[in-house]
Structures are given as structure tokens and as C-alpha cells.
């Protein structure tokens, strides 16, 4: 956040996508992923940051990719093909969302 602020970004213009937080080891009674997700949401709420789209929790691994020139956030969920999660330039929220 400090780096964004120092580069001239305004807090009101910061938008966030969250990807990850899965229990990929499938450990029974493992709360690490859920605790991490809760902590991140608390921070986002405390800092009043806008979360546009999420793909969180479950058991499948995820990856995310932001292409700066297009503003697109793509992600994978398990062995599925890459899908669009969000486009920061157009504000398109019609991407696939696995929650």
C-alpha cells in the first residue's frame, strides 16, 4: 500500500481481486487457509479497500495473472483452463468466479 501511495495512487482508485486461500494439502481440521482469508478480509475492511472479485478457499490450487496493458486478471482453479476473473479497465465482472 505504501508503494502505491508513494507512486501517486489514490486509495479510492485501488481495486483488488483475491485468489487463493485453499487447503491444497487437504488436511483435516486445518484452519490455516480460512484464518488467512478472514485476516485478509479484516484488513481490506479496515483499510476500506474495494474487492472486485474473489476466488478463494476449497481444496484446489489456484494461480493468478494480471496483464497490465489490458487490465485483465486471469486465474486457474485446479486443472481447469485459465479463465478471466476481472478486467480493471472495462470493469467487467462477468468472469468466472469460484468461491
PDB file of N, CA and C in Angstrom:
ATOM      1  N   UNK A   1       0.825  -1.189   0.000  1.00  0.00           N
ATOM      2  CA  UNK A   1       0.000   0.000   0.000  1.00  0.00           C
ATOM      3  C   UNK A   1       0.866   1.249   0.000  1.00  0.00           C
ATOM      4  N   UNK A   2       1.957   1.192   0.765  1.00  0.00           N
ATOM      5  CA  UNK A   2       2.848   2.347   0.801  1.00  0.00           C
ATOM      6  C   UNK A   2       3.455   2.614  -0.567  1.00  0.00           C
ATOM      7  N   UNK A   3       3.841   1.560  -1.282  1.00  0.00           N
ATOM      8  CA  UNK A   3       4.435   1.729  -2.616  1.00  0.00           C
ATOM      9  C   UNK A   3       3.425   2.353  -3.572  1.00  0.00           C
ATOM     10  N   UNK A   4       2.168   1.917  -3.496  1.00  0.00           N
ATOM     11  CA  UNK A   4       1.124   2.505  -4.344  1.00  0.00           C
ATOM     12  C   UNK A   4       0.920   3.972  -4.001  1.00  0.00           C
ATOM     13  N   UNK A   5       0.843   4.254  -2.715  1.00  0.00           N
ATOM     14  CA  UNK A   5       0.649   5.640  -2.264  1.00  0.00           C
ATOM     15  C   UNK A   5       1.818   6.520  -2.695  1.00  0.00           C
ATOM     16  N   UNK A   6       3.033   6.006  -2.531  1.00  0.00           N
ATOM     17  CA  UNK A   6       4.222   6.776  -2.892  1.00  0.00           C
ATOM     18  C   UNK A   6       4.346   7.002  -4.395  1.00  0.00           C
ATOM     19  N   UNK A   7       3.699   6.147  -5.186  1.00  0.00           N
ATOM     20  CA  UNK A   7       3.747   6.333  -6.640  1.00  0.00           C
ATOM     21  C   UNK A   7       2.605   7.205  -7.145  1.00  0.00           C
ATOM     22  N   UNK A   8       1.787   7.730  -6.229  1.00  0.00           N
ATOM     23  CA  UNK A   8       0.741   8.669  -6.611  1.00  0.00           C
ATOM     24  C   UNK A   8      -0.659   8.096  -6.674  1.00  0.00           C
ATOM     25  N   UNK A   9      -0.823   6.816  -6.336  1.00  0.00           N
ATOM     26  CA  UNK A   9      -2.159   6.210  -6.364  1.00  0.00           C
ATOM     27  C   UNK A   9      -3.018   6.755  -5.235  1.00  0.00           C
ATOM     28  N   UNK A  10      -4.290   6.918  -5.535  1.00  0.00           N
ATOM     29  CA  UNK A  10      -5.241   7.341  -4.522  1.00  0.00           C
ATOM     30  C   UNK A  10      -5.981   6.112  -4.024  1.00  0.00           C
ATOM     31  N   UNK A  11      -6.170   6.039  -2.727  1.00  0.00           N
ATOM     32  CA  UNK A  11      -6.819   4.890  -2.099  1.00  0.00           C
ATOM     33  C   UNK A  11      -8.184   4.601  -2.729  1.00  0.00           C
ATOM     34  N   UNK A  12      -8.917   5.634  -3.060  1.00  0.00           N
ATOM     35  CA  UNK A  12     -10.250   5.468  -3.644  1.00  0.00           C
ATOM     36  C   UNK A  12     -10.195   4.782  -5.010  1.00  0.00           C
ATOM     37  N   UNK A  13      -9.043   4.821  -5.674  1.00  0.00           N
ATOM     38  CA  UNK A  13      -8.908   4.225  -7.002  1.00  0.00           C
ATOM     39  C   UNK A  13      -8.343   2.811  -6.978  1.00  0.00           C
ATOM     40  N   UNK A  14      -7.985   2.319  -5.800  1.00  0.00           N
ATOM     41  CA  UNK A  14      -7.393   0.987  -5.703  1.00  0.00           C
ATOM     42  C   UNK A  14      -8.501  -0.059  -5.656  1.00  0.00           C
ATOM     43  N   UNK A  15      -8.428  -1.023  -6.570  1.00  0.00           N
ATOM     44  CA  UNK A  15      -9.383  -2.126  -6.638  1.00  0.00           C
ATOM     45  C   UNK A  15      -8.597  -3.429  -6.553  1.00  0.00           C
ATOM     46  N   UNK A  16      -9.194  -4.430  -5.924  1.00  0.00           N
ATOM     47  CA  UNK A  16      -8.458  -5.652  -5.603  1.00  0.00           C
ATOM     48  C   UNK A  16      -9.236  -6.889  -6.027  1.00  0.00           C
ATOM     49  N   UNK A  17      -8.495  -7.878  -6.534  1.00  0.00           N
ATOM     50  CA  UNK A  17      -9.006  -9.227  -6.735  1.00  0.00           C
ATOM     51  C   UNK A  17      -8.207 -10.143  -5.818  1.00  0.00           C
ATOM     52  N   UNK A  18      -8.876 -11.112  -5.217  1.00  0.00           N
ATOM     53  CA  UNK A  18      -8.205 -12.059  -4.330  1.00  0.00           C
ATOM     54  C   UNK A  18      -8.332 -13.467  -4.905  1.00  0.00           C
ATOM     55  N   UNK A  19      -7.216 -14.162  -4.961  1.00  0.00           N
ATOM     56  CA  UNK A  19      -7.185 -15.526  -5.488  1.00  0.00           C
ATOM     57  C   UNK A  19      -6.319 -16.370  -4.573  1.00  0.00           C
ATOM     58  N   UNK A  20      -6.821 -17.527  -4.157  1.00  0.00           N
ATOM     59  CA  UNK A  20      -6.019 -18.456  -3.349  1.00  0.00           C
ATOM     60  C   UNK A  20      -6.734 -18.882  -2.094  1.00  0.00           C
ATOM     61  N   UNK A  21      -5.951 -19.136  -1.056  1.00  0.00           N
ATOM     62  CA  UNK A  21      -6.511 -19.483   0.251  1.00  0.00           C
ATOM     63  C   UNK A  21      -7.132 -20.856   0.312  1.00  0.00           C
ATOM     64  N   UNK A  22      -6.614 -21.800  -0.443  1.00  0.00           N
ATOM     65  CA  UNK A  22      -7.174 -23.154  -0.449  1.00  0.00           C
ATOM     66  C   UNK A  22      -6.371 -24.072   0.474  1.00  0.00           C
ATOM     67  N   UNK A  23      -7.030 -25.083   0.979  1.00  0.00           N
ATOM     68  CA  UNK A  23      -6.404 -26.131   1.783  1.00  0.00           C
ATOM     69  C   UNK A  23      -5.926 -27.216   0.813  1.00  0.00           C
ATOM     70  N   UNK A  24      -4.875 -26.913   0.048  1.00  0.00           N
ATOM     71  CA  UNK A  24      -4.423 -27.812  -1.021  1.00  0.00           C
ATOM     72  C   UNK A  24      -3.847 -29.113  -0.489  1.00  0.00           C
ATOM     73  N   UNK A  25      -3.412 -29.142   0.746  1.00  0.00           N
ATOM     74  CA  UNK A  25      -2.905 -30.384   1.333  1.00  0.00           C
ATOM     75  C   UNK A  25      -4.031 -31.264   1.859  1.00  0.00           C
ATOM     76  N   UNK A  26      -5.246 -30.719   1.836  1.00  0.00           N
ATOM     77  CA  UNK A  26      -6.455 -31.441   2.269  1.00  0.00           C
ATOM     78  C   UNK A  26      -6.319 -32.011   3.684  1.00  0.00           C
ATOM     79  N   UNK A  27      -5.693 -31.227   4.545  1.00  0.00           N
ATOM     80  CA  UNK A  27      -5.532 -31.652   5.932  1.00  0.00           C
ATOM     81  C   UNK A  27      -6.844 -31.466   6.676  1.00  0.00           C
ATOM     82  N   UNK A  28      -7.271 -32.516   7.330  1.00  0.00           N
ATOM     83  CA  UNK A  28      -8.495 -32.466   8.104  1.00  0.00           C
ATOM     84  C   UNK A  28      -8.317 -31.483   9.266  1.00  0.00           C
ATOM     85  N   UNK A  29      -9.310 -30.719   9.550  1.00  0.00           N
ATOM     86  CA  UNK A  29      -9.308 -29.741  10.644  1.00  0.00           C
ATOM     87  C   UNK A  29      -8.256 -28.648  10.479  1.00  0.00           C
ATOM     88  N   UNK A  30      -7.752 -28.446   9.270  1.00  0.00           N
ATOM     89  CA  UNK A  30      -6.774 -27.385   9.020  1.00  0.00           C
ATOM     90  C   UNK A  30      -7.521 -26.077   8.858  1.00  0.00           C
ATOM     91  N   UNK A  31      -7.167 -25.086   9.664  1.00  0.00           N
ATOM     92  CA  UNK A  31      -7.859 -23.796   9.618  1.00  0.00           C
ATOM     93  C   UNK A  31      -6.962 -22.683   9.090  1.00  0.00           C
ATOM     94  N   UNK A  32      -5.747 -23.033   8.667  1.00  0.00           N
ATOM     95  CA  UNK A  32      -4.803 -22.003   8.220  1.00  0.00           C
ATOM     96  C   UNK A  32      -5.380 -21.190   7.064  1.00  0.00           C
ATOM     97  N   UNK A  33      -5.899 -21.858   6.040  1.00  0.00           N
ATOM     98  CA  UNK A  33      -6.438 -21.150   4.876  1.00  0.00           C
ATOM     99  C   UNK A  33      -7.616 -20.253   5.277  1.00  0.00           C
ATOM    100  N   UNK A  34      -8.537 -20.790   6.052  1.00  0.00           N
ATOM    101  CA  UNK A  34      -9.694 -19.999   6.477  1.00  0.00           C
ATOM    102  C   UNK A  34      -9.272 -18.809   7.338  1.00  0.00           C
ATOM    103  N   UNK A  35      -8.291 -19.024   8.214  1.00  0.00           N
ATOM    104  CA  UNK A  35      -7.796 -17.922   9.050  1.00  0.00           C
ATOM    105  C   UNK A  35      -7.137 -16.843   8.198  1.00  0.00           C
ATOM    106  N   UNK A  36      -6.390 -17.263   7.197  1.00  0.00           N
ATOM    107  CA  UNK A  36      -5.738 -16.313   6.290  1.00  0.00           C
ATOM    108  C   UNK A  36      -6.778 -15.481   5.542  1.00  0.00           C
ATOM    109  N   UNK A  37      -7.798 -16.133   5.015  1.00  0.00           N
ATOM    110  CA  UNK A  37      -8.866 -15.430   4.289  1.00  0.00           C
ATOM    111  C   UNK A  37      -9.562 -14.431   5.212  1.00  0.00           C
ATOM    112  N   UNK A  38      -9.897 -14.860   6.412  1.00  0.00           N
ATOM    113  CA  UNK A  38     -10.556 -13.960   7.372  1.00  0.00           C
ATOM    114  C   UNK A  38      -9.685 -12.753   7.686  1.00  0.00           C
ATOM    115  N   UNK A  39      -8.392 -13.000   7.869  1.00  0.00           N
ATOM    116  CA  UNK A  39      -7.463 -11.919   8.174  1.00  0.00           C
ATOM    117  C   UNK A  39      -7.386 -10.915   7.027  1.00  0.00           C
ATOM    118  N   UNK A  40      -7.330 -11.415   5.809  1.00  0.00           N
ATOM    119  CA  UNK A  40      -7.260 -10.518   4.649  1.00  0.00           C
ATOM    120  C   UNK A  40      -8.533  -9.682   4.535  1.00  0.00           C
ATOM    121  N   UNK A  41      -9.693 -10.314   4.729  1.00  0.00           N
ATOM    122  CA  UNK A  41     -10.943  -9.554   4.677  1.00  0.00           C
ATOM    123  C   UNK A  41     -10.995  -8.484   5.770  1.00  0.00           C
ATOM    124  N   UNK A  42     -10.491  -8.794   6.956  1.00  0.00           N
ATOM    125  CA  UNK A  42     -10.453  -7.805   8.038  1.00  0.00           C
ATOM    126  C   UNK A  42      -9.578  -6.614   7.648  1.00  0.00           C
ATOM    127  N   UNK A  43      -8.425  -6.904   7.046  1.00  0.00           N
ATOM    128  CA  UNK A  43      -7.523  -5.827   6.622  1.00  0.00           C
ATOM    129  C   UNK A  43      -8.189  -4.974   5.538  1.00  0.00           C
ATOM    130  N   UNK A  44      -8.828  -5.629   4.567  1.00  0.00           N
ATOM    131  CA  UNK A  44      -9.477  -4.897   3.475  1.00  0.00           C
ATOM    132  C   UNK A  44     -10.587  -4.007   4.019  1.00  0.00           C
ATOM    133  N   UNK A  45     -11.354  -4.531   4.967  1.00  0.00           N
ATOM    134  CA  UNK A  45     -12.436  -3.737   5.562  1.00  0.00           C
ATOM    135  C   UNK A  45     -11.872  -2.577   6.376  1.00  0.00           C
ATOM    136  N   UNK A  46     -10.851  -2.858   7.162  1.00  0.00           N
ATOM    137  CA  UNK A  46     -10.235  -1.823   7.999  1.00  0.00           C
ATOM    138  C   UNK A  46      -9.674  -0.691   7.146  1.00  0.00           C
ATOM    139  N   UNK A  47      -9.052  -1.046   6.027  1.00  0.00           N
ATOM    140  CA  UNK A  47      -8.458  -0.045   5.150  1.00  0.00           C
ATOM    141  C   UNK A  47      -9.451   0.499   4.122  1.00  0.00           C
ATOM    142  N   UNK A  48     -10.693  -0.025   4.157  1.00  0.00           N
ATOM    143  CA  UNK A  48     -11.761   0.415   3.259  1.00  0.00           C
ATOM    144  C   UNK A  48     -11.348   0.287   1.791  1.00  0.00           C
ATOM    145  N   UNK A  49     -10.825  -0.899   1.441  1.00  0.00           N
ATOM    146  CA  UNK A  49     -10.404  -1.174   0.076  1.00  0.00           C
ATOM    147  C   UNK A  49     -11.475  -1.965  -0.656  1.00  0.00           C
ATOM    148  N   UNK A  50     -11.589  -1.716  -1.931  1.00  0.00           N
ATOM    149  CA  UNK A  50     -12.633  -2.312  -2.760  1.00  0.00           C
ATOM    150  C   UNK A  50     -12.165  -3.648  -3.344  1.00  0.00           C
ATOM    151  N   UNK A  51     -12.852  -4.721  -2.949  1.00  0.00           N
ATOM    152  CA  UNK A  51     -12.580  -6.044  -3.513  1.00  0.00           C
ATOM    153  C   UNK A  51     -13.576  -6.264  -4.646  1.00  0.00           C
ATOM    154  N   UNK A  52     -13.066  -6.443  -5.870  1.00  0.00           N
ATOM    155  CA  UNK A  52     -13.914  -6.585  -7.047  1.00  0.00           C
ATOM    156  C   UNK A  52     -14.379  -8.014  -7.277  1.00  0.00           C
ATOM    157  N   UNK A  53     -13.453  -8.958  -7.199  1.00  0.00           N
ATOM    158  CA  UNK A  53     -13.801 -10.368  -7.426  1.00  0.00           C
ATOM    159  C   UNK A  53     -12.901 -11.238  -6.577  1.00  0.00           C
ATOM    160  N   UNK A  54     -13.415 -12.421  -6.240  1.00  0.00           N
ATOM    161  CA  UNK A  54     -12.642 -13.365  -5.449  1.00  0.00           C
ATOM    162  C   UNK A  54     -12.760 -14.770  -6.020  1.00  0.00           C
ATOM    163  N   UNK A  55     -11.747 -15.554  -5.762  1.00  0.00           N
ATOM    164  CA  UNK A  55     -11.745 -16.992  -5.990  1.00  0.00           C
ATOM    165  C   UNK A  55     -10.941 -17.574  -4.837  1.00  0.00           C
ATOM    166  N   UNK A  56     -11.633 -17.962  -3.768  1.00  0.00           N
ATOM    167  CA  UNK A  56     -10.985 -18.339  -2.517  1.00  0.00           C
ATOM    168  C   UNK A  56     -11.506 -19.652  -1.959  1.00  0.00           C
ATOM    169  N   UNK A  57     -10.696 -20.242  -1.103  1.00  0.00           N
ATOM    170  CA  UNK A  57     -10.965 -21.413  -0.264  1.00  0.00           C
ATOM    171  C   UNK A  57     -11.108 -22.695  -1.078  1.00  0.00           C
ATOM    172  N   UNK A  58     -11.665 -23.698  -0.469  1.00  0.00           N
ATOM    173  CA  UNK A  58     -11.777 -25.006  -1.115  1.00  0.00           C
ATOM    174  C   UNK A  58     -10.481 -25.795  -0.973  1.00  0.00           C
ATOM    175  N   UNK A  59     -10.260 -26.720  -1.914  1.00  0.00           N
ATOM    176  CA  UNK A  59      -9.093 -27.598  -1.848  1.00  0.00           C
ATOM    177  C   UNK A  59      -8.201 -27.513  -3.083  1.00  0.00           C
ATOM    178  N   UNK A  60      -8.669 -26.865  -4.136  1.00  0.00           N
ATOM    179  CA  UNK A  60      -7.920 -26.827  -5.397  1.00  0.00           C
ATOM    180  C   UNK A  60      -6.939 -25.658  -5.421  1.00  0.00           C
ATOM    181  N   UNK A  61      -5.762 -25.913  -5.958  1.00  0.00           N
ATOM    182  CA  UNK A  61      -4.762 -24.855  -6.095  1.00  0.00           C
ATOM    183  C   UNK A  61      -5.261 -23.817  -7.102  1.00  0.00           C
ATOM    184  N   UNK A  62      -4.747 -22.629  -6.978  1.00  0.00           N
ATOM    185  CA  UNK A  62      -5.099 -21.543  -7.885  1.00  0.00           C
ATOM    186  C   UNK A  62      -3.850 -20.772  -8.263  1.00  0.00           C
ATOM    187  N   UNK A  63      -3.912 -20.138  -9.406  1.00  0.00           N
ATOM    188  CA  UNK A  63      -2.881 -19.193  -9.801  1.00  0.00           C
ATOM    189  C   UNK A  63      -3.587 -17.977 -10.376  1.00  0.00           C
ATOM    190  N   UNK A  64      -2.915 -16.844 -10.348  1.00  0.00           N
ATOM    191  CA  UNK A  64      -3.500 -15.609 -10.878  1.00  0.00           C
ATOM    192  C   UNK A  64      -2.458 -14.882 -11.702  1.00  0.00           C
ATOM    193  N   UNK A  65      -2.951 -14.163 -12.719  1.00  0.00           N
ATOM    194  CA  UNK A  65      -2.063 -13.401 -13.592  1.00  0.00           C
ATOM    195  C   UNK A  65      -2.742 -12.087 -13.938  1.00  0.00           C
ATOM    196  N   UNK A  66      -2.040 -10.985 -13.699  1.00  0.00           N
ATOM    197  CA  UNK A  66      -2.510  -9.655 -14.075  1.00  0.00           C
ATOM    198  C   UNK A  66      -1.720  -9.206 -15.288  1.00  0.00           C
ATOM    199  N   UNK A  67      -2.417  -8.914 -16.384  1.00  0.00           N
ATOM    200  CA  UNK A  67      -1.785  -8.368 -17.578  1.00  0.00           C
ATOM    201  C   UNK A  67      -2.000  -6.862 -17.546  1.00  0.00           C
ATOM    202  N   UNK A  68      -0.943  -6.136 -17.298  1.00  0.00           N
ATOM    203  CA  UNK A  68      -1.057  -4.699 -17.051  1.00  0.00           C
ATOM    204  C   UNK A  68      -1.633  -3.912 -18.221  1.00  0.00           C
ATOM    205  N   UNK A  69      -1.198  -4.194 -19.452  1.00  0.00           N
ATOM    206  CA  UNK A  69      -1.658  -3.374 -20.572  1.00  0.00           C
ATOM    207  C   UNK A  69      -3.141  -3.571 -20.884  1.00  0.00           C
ATOM    208  N   UNK A  70      -3.695  -4.731 -20.531  1.00  0.00           N
ATOM    209  CA  UNK A  70      -5.121  -4.964 -20.792  1.00  0.00           C
ATOM    210  C   UNK A  70      -5.975  -4.796 -19.542  1.00  0.00           C
ATOM    211  N   UNK A  71      -5.351  -4.820 -18.368  1.00  0.00           N
ATOM    212  CA  UNK A  71      -6.099  -4.713 -17.115  1.00  0.00           C
ATOM    213  C   UNK A  71      -6.805  -5.992 -16.724  1.00  0.00           C
ATOM    214  N   UNK A  72      -6.511  -7.090 -17.405  1.00  0.00           N
ATOM    215  CA  UNK A  72      -7.209  -8.352 -17.143  1.00  0.00           C
ATOM    216  C   UNK A  72      -6.514  -9.185 -16.069  1.00  0.00           C
ATOM    217  N   UNK A  73      -7.346  -9.731 -15.188  1.00  0.00           N
ATOM    218  CA  UNK A  73      -6.873 -10.699 -14.205  1.00  0.00           C
ATOM    219  C   UNK A  73      -7.419 -12.054 -14.642  1.00  0.00           C
ATOM    220  N   UNK A  74      -6.505 -12.954 -14.944  1.00  0.00           N
ATOM    221  CA  UNK A  74      -6.884 -14.322 -15.302  1.00  0.00           C
ATOM    222  C   UNK A  74      -6.463 -15.232 -14.153  1.00  0.00           C
ATOM    223  N   UNK A  75      -7.124 -16.374 -14.034  1.00  0.00           N
ATOM    224  CA  UNK A  75      -6.759 -17.302 -12.981  1.00  0.00           C
ATOM    225  C   UNK A  75      -7.031 -18.728 -13.416  1.00  0.00           C
ATOM    226  N   UNK A  76      -6.389 -19.656 -12.726  1.00  0.00           N
ATOM    227  CA  UNK A  76      -6.694 -21.071 -12.905  1.00  0.00           C
ATOM    228  C   UNK A  76      -7.192 -21.601 -11.577  1.00  0.00           C
ATOM    229  N   UNK A  77      -8.012 -22.628 -11.673  1.00  0.00           N
ATOM    230  CA  UNK A  77      -8.605 -23.261 -10.500  1.00  0.00           C
ATOM    231  C   UNK A  77      -8.454 -24.760 -10.704  1.00  0.00           C
ATOM    232  N   UNK A  78      -7.570 -25.374  -9.921  1.00  0.00           N
ATOM    233  CA  UNK A  78      -7.302 -26.798 -10.114  1.00  0.00           C
ATOM    234  C   UNK A  78      -6.698 -27.035 -11.483  1.00  0.00           C
ATOM    235  N   UNK A  79      -7.212 -28.038 -12.181  1.00  0.00           N
ATOM    236  CA  UNK A  79      -6.709 -28.379 -13.515  1.00  0.00           C
ATOM    237  C   UNK A  79      -7.510 -27.722 -14.632  1.00  0.00           C
ATOM    238  N   UNK A  80      -8.409 -26.818 -14.284  1.00  0.00           N
ATOM    239  CA  UNK A  80      -9.233 -26.152 -15.290  1.00  0.00           C
ATOM    240  C   UNK A  80      -8.395 -25.166 -16.094  1.00  0.00           C
ATOM    241  N   UNK A  81      -8.890 -24.837 -17.281  1.00  0.00           N
ATOM    242  CA  UNK A  81      -8.219 -23.849 -18.134  1.00  0.00           C
ATOM    243  C   UNK A  81      -8.270 -22.471 -17.494  1.00  0.00           C
ATOM    244  N   UNK A  82      -7.353 -21.629 -17.917  1.00  0.00           N
ATOM    245  CA  UNK A  82      -7.327 -20.249 -17.436  1.00  0.00           C
ATOM    246  C   UNK A  82      -8.627 -19.551 -17.817  1.00  0.00           C
ATOM    247  N   UNK A  83      -9.162 -18.772 -16.891  1.00  0.00           N
ATOM    248  CA  UNK A  83     -10.395 -18.018 -17.129  1.00  0.00           C
ATOM    249  C   UNK A  83     -10.191 -16.587 -16.657  1.00  0.00           C
ATOM    250  N   UNK A  84     -10.998 -15.676 -17.202  1.00  0.00           N
ATOM    251  CA  UNK A  84     -10.905 -14.286 -16.770  1.00  0.00           C
ATOM    252  C   UNK A  84     -11.688 -14.115 -15.472  1.00  0.00           C
ATOM    253  N   UNK A  85     -11.076 -13.454 -14.517  1.00  0.00           N
ATOM    254  CA  UNK A  85     -11.743 -13.146 -13.258  1.00  0.00           C
ATOM    255  C   UNK A  85     -12.295 -11.730 -13.279  1.00  0.00           C
ATOM    256  N   UNK A  86     -11.487 -10.782 -13.799  1.00  0.00           N
ATOM    257  CA  UNK A  86     -11.907  -9.388 -13.786  1.00  0.00           C
ATOM    258  C   UNK A  86     -11.088  -8.603 -14.791  1.00  0.00           C
ATOM    259  N   UNK A  87     -11.676  -7.526 -15.313  1.00  0.00           N
ATOM    260  CA  UNK A  87     -10.947  -6.607 -16.178  1.00  0.00           C
ATOM    261  C   UNK A  87     -11.010  -5.233 -15.523  1.00  0.00           C
ATOM    262  N   UNK A  88      -9.874  -4.767 -15.030  1.00  0.00           N
ATOM    263  CA  UNK A  88      -9.825  -3.496 -14.311  1.00  0.00           C
ATOM    264  C   UNK A  88     -10.081  -2.294 -15.208  1.00  0.00           C
ATOM    265  N   UNK A  89      -9.844  -2.424 -16.497  1.00  0.00           N
ATOM    266  CA  UNK A  89     -10.063  -1.294 -17.402  1.00  0.00           C
ATOM    267  C   UNK A  89     -11.540  -1.150 -17.743  1.00  0.00           C
ATOM    268  N   UNK A  90     -12.194  -2.245 -18.120  1.00  0.00           N
ATOM    269  CA  UNK A  90     -13.603  -2.161 -18.500  1.00  0.00           C
ATOM    270  C   UNK A  90     -14.546  -2.330 -17.320  1.00  0.00           C
ATOM    271  N   UNK A  91     -14.025  -2.835 -16.182  1.00  0.00           N
ATOM    272  CA  UNK A  91     -14.896  -3.094 -15.035  1.00  0.00           C
ATOM    273  C   UNK A  91     -15.746  -4.326 -15.219  1.00  0.00           C
ATOM    274  N   UNK A  92     -15.370  -5.175 -16.175  1.00  0.00           N
ATOM    275  CA  UNK A  92     -16.140  -6.376 -16.475  1.00  0.00           C
ATOM    276  C   UNK A  92     -16.045  -7.364 -15.326  1.00  0.00           C
ATOM    277  N   UNK A  93     -17.181  -7.688 -14.750  1.00  0.00           N
ATOM    278  CA  UNK A  93     -17.214  -8.680 -13.683  1.00  0.00           C
ATOM    279  C   UNK A  93     -17.906  -9.952 -14.141  1.00  0.00           C
ATOM    280  N   UNK A  94     -17.985 -10.149 -15.443  1.00  0.00           N
ATOM    281  CA  UNK A  94     -18.665 -11.340 -15.955  1.00  0.00           C
ATOM    282  C   UNK A  94     -17.744 -12.554 -16.001  1.00  0.00           C
ATOM    283  N   UNK A  95     -16.523 -12.410 -15.501  1.00  0.00           N
ATOM    284  CA  UNK A  95     -15.596 -13.551 -15.473  1.00  0.00           C
ATOM    285  C   UNK A  95     -16.103 -14.632 -14.553  1.00  0.00           C
ATOM    286  N   UNK A  96     -15.557 -15.804 -14.695  1.00  0.00           N
ATOM    287  CA  UNK A  96     -15.938 -16.929 -13.853  1.00  0.00           C
ATOM    288  C   UNK A  96     -15.492 -16.666 -12.432  1.00  0.00           C
ATOM    289  N   UNK A  97     -16.305 -17.075 -11.475  1.00  0.00           N
ATOM    290  CA  UNK A  97     -15.966 -16.881 -10.069  1.00  0.00           C
ATOM    291  C   UNK A  97     -16.181 -18.184  -9.329  1.00  0.00           C
ATOM    292  N   UNK A  98     -15.126 -18.750  -8.792  1.00  0.00           N
ATOM    293  CA  UNK A  98     -15.223 -19.955  -7.975  1.00  0.00           C
ATOM    294  C   UNK A  98     -14.995 -19.555  -6.540  1.00  0.00           C
ATOM    295  N   UNK A  99     -16.029 -19.620  -5.715  1.00  0.00           N
ATOM    296  CA  UNK A  99     -15.870 -19.243  -4.306  1.00  0.00           C
ATOM    297  C   UNK A  99     -15.990 -20.475  -3.451  1.00  0.00           C
TER     298      UNK A  99
END
